[in-house]
N, C-alpha and C. Protein backbone atom coordinates (compact mmCIF):
# COMPACT_ATOMS: atom_id res chain seq x y z
N UNK A 1 9.34 11.42 -10.79
CA UNK A 1 9.32 11.60 -9.33
C UNK A 1 8.49 10.54 -8.67
N UNK A 2 8.99 9.94 -7.68
CA UNK A 2 8.25 8.85 -7.00
C UNK A 2 7.28 9.31 -5.94
N UNK A 3 6.12 8.94 -5.92
CA UNK A 3 5.22 9.32 -4.84
C UNK A 3 5.45 8.41 -3.63
N UNK A 4 5.20 8.95 -2.50
CA UNK A 4 5.40 8.23 -1.32
C UNK A 4 4.02 7.61 -0.84
N UNK A 5 4.08 6.34 -0.44
CA UNK A 5 2.89 5.81 0.22
C UNK A 5 2.98 5.83 1.71
N UNK A 6 1.83 5.63 2.37
CA UNK A 6 1.79 5.76 3.83
C UNK A 6 1.25 4.42 4.41
N UNK A 7 2.07 3.40 4.55
CA UNK A 7 1.44 2.21 5.13
C UNK A 7 1.23 2.24 6.66
N UNK A 8 2.03 3.01 7.28
CA UNK A 8 1.83 3.14 8.83
C UNK A 8 0.52 3.87 9.10
N UNK A 9 0.21 4.88 8.25
CA UNK A 9 -1.07 5.64 8.42
C UNK A 9 -2.19 4.61 8.10
N UNK A 10 -1.90 3.80 7.06
CA UNK A 10 -2.89 2.84 6.59
C UNK A 10 -3.11 1.74 7.77
N UNK A 11 -2.05 1.42 8.49
CA UNK A 11 -2.14 0.48 9.60
C UNK A 11 -3.02 0.99 10.70
N UNK A 12 -2.78 2.30 11.06
CA UNK A 12 -3.59 2.86 12.24
C UNK A 12 -4.98 3.14 11.84
N UNK A 13 -5.22 3.61 10.63
CA UNK A 13 -6.65 3.78 10.18
C UNK A 13 -7.33 2.44 10.06
N UNK A 14 -6.69 1.40 9.62
CA UNK A 14 -7.33 0.07 9.59
C UNK A 14 -7.57 -0.40 10.98
N UNK A 15 -6.65 -0.13 11.86
CA UNK A 15 -6.96 -0.52 13.30
C UNK A 15 -8.15 0.02 13.78
N UNK A 16 -8.31 1.31 13.59
CA UNK A 16 -9.52 2.00 14.09
C UNK A 16 -10.77 1.52 13.36
N UNK A 17 -10.68 1.27 12.01
CA UNK A 17 -11.72 0.75 11.30
C UNK A 17 -12.21 -0.68 11.85
N UNK A 18 -11.21 -1.49 11.97
CA UNK A 18 -11.55 -2.87 12.53
C UNK A 18 -12.17 -2.86 13.86
N UNK A 19 -11.69 -1.98 14.80
CA UNK A 19 -12.21 -1.89 16.14
C UNK A 19 -13.61 -1.28 16.05
N UNK A 20 -13.76 -0.35 15.28
CA UNK A 20 -15.15 0.32 15.12
C UNK A 20 -16.15 -0.58 14.50
N UNK A 21 -15.81 -1.38 13.50
CA UNK A 21 -16.71 -2.34 12.92
C UNK A 21 -17.04 -3.44 14.06
N UNK A 22 -16.05 -3.86 14.73
CA UNK A 22 -16.25 -4.99 15.79
C UNK A 22 -17.22 -4.43 16.77
N UNK A 23 -17.00 -3.18 17.33
CA UNK A 23 -17.82 -2.70 18.33
C UNK A 23 -19.27 -2.53 17.80
N UNK A 24 -19.39 -1.98 16.61
CA UNK A 24 -20.76 -1.93 16.02
C UNK A 24 -21.45 -3.28 15.81
N UNK A 25 -20.77 -4.24 15.38
CA UNK A 25 -21.43 -5.56 15.21
C UNK A 25 -21.74 -6.21 16.63
N UNK A 26 -20.89 -5.94 17.61
CA UNK A 26 -21.21 -6.40 18.98
C UNK A 26 -22.49 -5.76 19.50
N UNK A 27 -22.52 -4.40 19.32
CA UNK A 27 -23.61 -3.63 19.87
C UNK A 27 -25.02 -4.03 19.20
N UNK A 28 -24.96 -4.21 17.94
CA UNK A 28 -26.18 -4.58 17.24
C UNK A 28 -26.53 -6.09 17.46
N UNK A 29 -25.67 -6.89 18.00
CA UNK A 29 -25.86 -8.29 18.26
C UNK A 29 -25.86 -9.18 17.00
N UNK A 30 -24.98 -8.73 16.06
CA UNK A 30 -24.81 -9.54 14.82
C UNK A 30 -23.81 -10.63 15.01
N UNK A 31 -22.79 -10.49 15.84
CA UNK A 31 -21.77 -11.53 16.10
C UNK A 31 -21.73 -11.57 17.62
N UNK A 32 -21.37 -12.82 18.10
CA UNK A 32 -21.25 -12.90 19.57
C UNK A 32 -19.98 -12.22 20.06
N UNK A 33 -20.00 -11.81 21.33
CA UNK A 33 -18.95 -11.03 21.86
C UNK A 33 -17.88 -11.98 22.44
N UNK A 34 -16.85 -12.33 21.63
CA UNK A 34 -15.78 -13.09 21.93
C UNK A 34 -14.52 -12.50 21.47
N UNK A 35 -13.42 -12.98 22.14
CA UNK A 35 -12.03 -12.42 21.80
C UNK A 35 -11.66 -12.72 20.30
N UNK A 36 -12.09 -13.96 19.94
CA UNK A 36 -11.79 -14.32 18.53
C UNK A 36 -12.39 -13.43 17.50
N UNK A 37 -13.69 -13.06 17.70
CA UNK A 37 -14.31 -12.13 16.70
C UNK A 37 -13.64 -10.69 16.77
N UNK A 38 -13.21 -10.22 17.97
CA UNK A 38 -12.62 -8.98 18.03
C UNK A 38 -11.32 -9.04 17.31
N UNK A 39 -10.48 -10.19 17.48
CA UNK A 39 -9.20 -10.31 16.87
C UNK A 39 -9.35 -10.37 15.33
N UNK A 40 -10.36 -11.12 14.91
CA UNK A 40 -10.50 -11.40 13.46
C UNK A 40 -10.88 -10.10 12.74
N UNK A 41 -11.88 -9.37 13.31
CA UNK A 41 -12.29 -8.07 12.65
C UNK A 41 -11.28 -7.03 12.80
N UNK A 42 -10.44 -6.99 13.78
CA UNK A 42 -9.40 -6.01 13.96
C UNK A 42 -8.24 -6.27 12.89
N UNK A 43 -7.84 -7.45 12.74
CA UNK A 43 -6.85 -7.86 11.82
C UNK A 43 -7.37 -7.67 10.34
N UNK A 44 -8.69 -7.93 10.04
CA UNK A 44 -9.15 -7.67 8.77
C UNK A 44 -9.27 -6.17 8.54
N UNK A 45 -9.47 -5.43 9.42
CA UNK A 45 -9.44 -3.91 9.38
C UNK A 45 -8.04 -3.46 9.06
N UNK A 46 -7.03 -4.00 9.73
CA UNK A 46 -5.65 -3.59 9.45
C UNK A 46 -5.18 -3.93 8.05
N UNK A 47 -5.64 -5.20 7.66
CA UNK A 47 -5.28 -5.57 6.25
C UNK A 47 -5.93 -4.69 5.28
N UNK A 48 -7.20 -4.35 5.43
CA UNK A 48 -7.85 -3.44 4.48
C UNK A 48 -7.16 -2.17 4.49
N UNK A 49 -6.77 -1.53 5.60
CA UNK A 49 -6.11 -0.26 5.72
C UNK A 49 -4.83 -0.27 4.93
N UNK A 50 -4.07 -1.26 5.20
CA UNK A 50 -2.67 -1.37 4.55
C UNK A 50 -2.86 -1.50 3.03
N UNK A 51 -3.78 -2.37 2.65
CA UNK A 51 -4.07 -2.57 1.27
C UNK A 51 -4.47 -1.35 0.48
N UNK A 52 -5.35 -0.63 1.19
CA UNK A 52 -5.84 0.68 0.58
C UNK A 52 -4.68 1.76 0.59
N UNK A 53 -3.84 1.69 1.54
CA UNK A 53 -2.71 2.65 1.52
C UNK A 53 -1.79 2.52 0.33
N UNK A 54 -1.71 1.21 -0.21
CA UNK A 54 -0.88 0.93 -1.28
C UNK A 54 -1.66 1.02 -2.57
N UNK A 55 -2.91 0.76 -2.57
CA UNK A 55 -3.72 0.61 -3.88
C UNK A 55 -4.28 1.95 -4.31
N UNK A 56 -4.74 2.81 -3.39
CA UNK A 56 -5.28 4.10 -3.75
C UNK A 56 -4.26 5.07 -4.27
N UNK A 57 -4.66 6.05 -5.08
CA UNK A 57 -3.60 6.98 -5.63
C UNK A 57 -3.15 7.87 -4.50
N UNK A 58 -1.78 7.99 -4.56
CA UNK A 58 -1.24 8.93 -3.58
C UNK A 58 -1.23 10.32 -4.07
N UNK A 59 -1.30 11.19 -3.02
CA UNK A 59 -1.30 12.65 -3.40
C UNK A 59 0.16 13.11 -3.74
N UNK A 60 0.19 13.61 -4.89
CA UNK A 60 1.54 14.04 -5.42
C UNK A 60 1.74 15.48 -5.02
N UNK A 61 3.00 15.86 -5.13
CA UNK A 61 3.33 17.31 -4.79
C UNK A 61 2.92 18.19 -6.01
N UNK A 62 2.45 19.35 -5.82
CA UNK A 62 2.19 20.23 -6.84
C UNK A 62 3.36 20.52 -7.68
N UNK A 63 3.30 20.57 -9.03
CA UNK A 63 4.37 20.88 -9.85
C UNK A 63 4.70 22.37 -9.85
N UNK A 64 5.91 22.65 -10.07
CA UNK A 64 6.47 24.06 -10.09
C UNK A 64 5.84 24.95 -11.28
N UNK A 65 6.04 26.11 -11.18
CA UNK A 65 5.51 27.00 -12.33
C UNK A 65 6.21 26.70 -13.65
């Protein structure tokens, strides 16, 4: 039986991860607040989210009795 992966869920979770990291780094003053940094961190979060959606083990369906 083939397990299903969820790249769309990985995309949106990576998007939230990237925006959250960008806002945290802006707030603490680690990186300057520019559009380039926001774009780079958001895209990096998306890539990480999609990669983890494919790399981590998928939840399988429970087997029958």
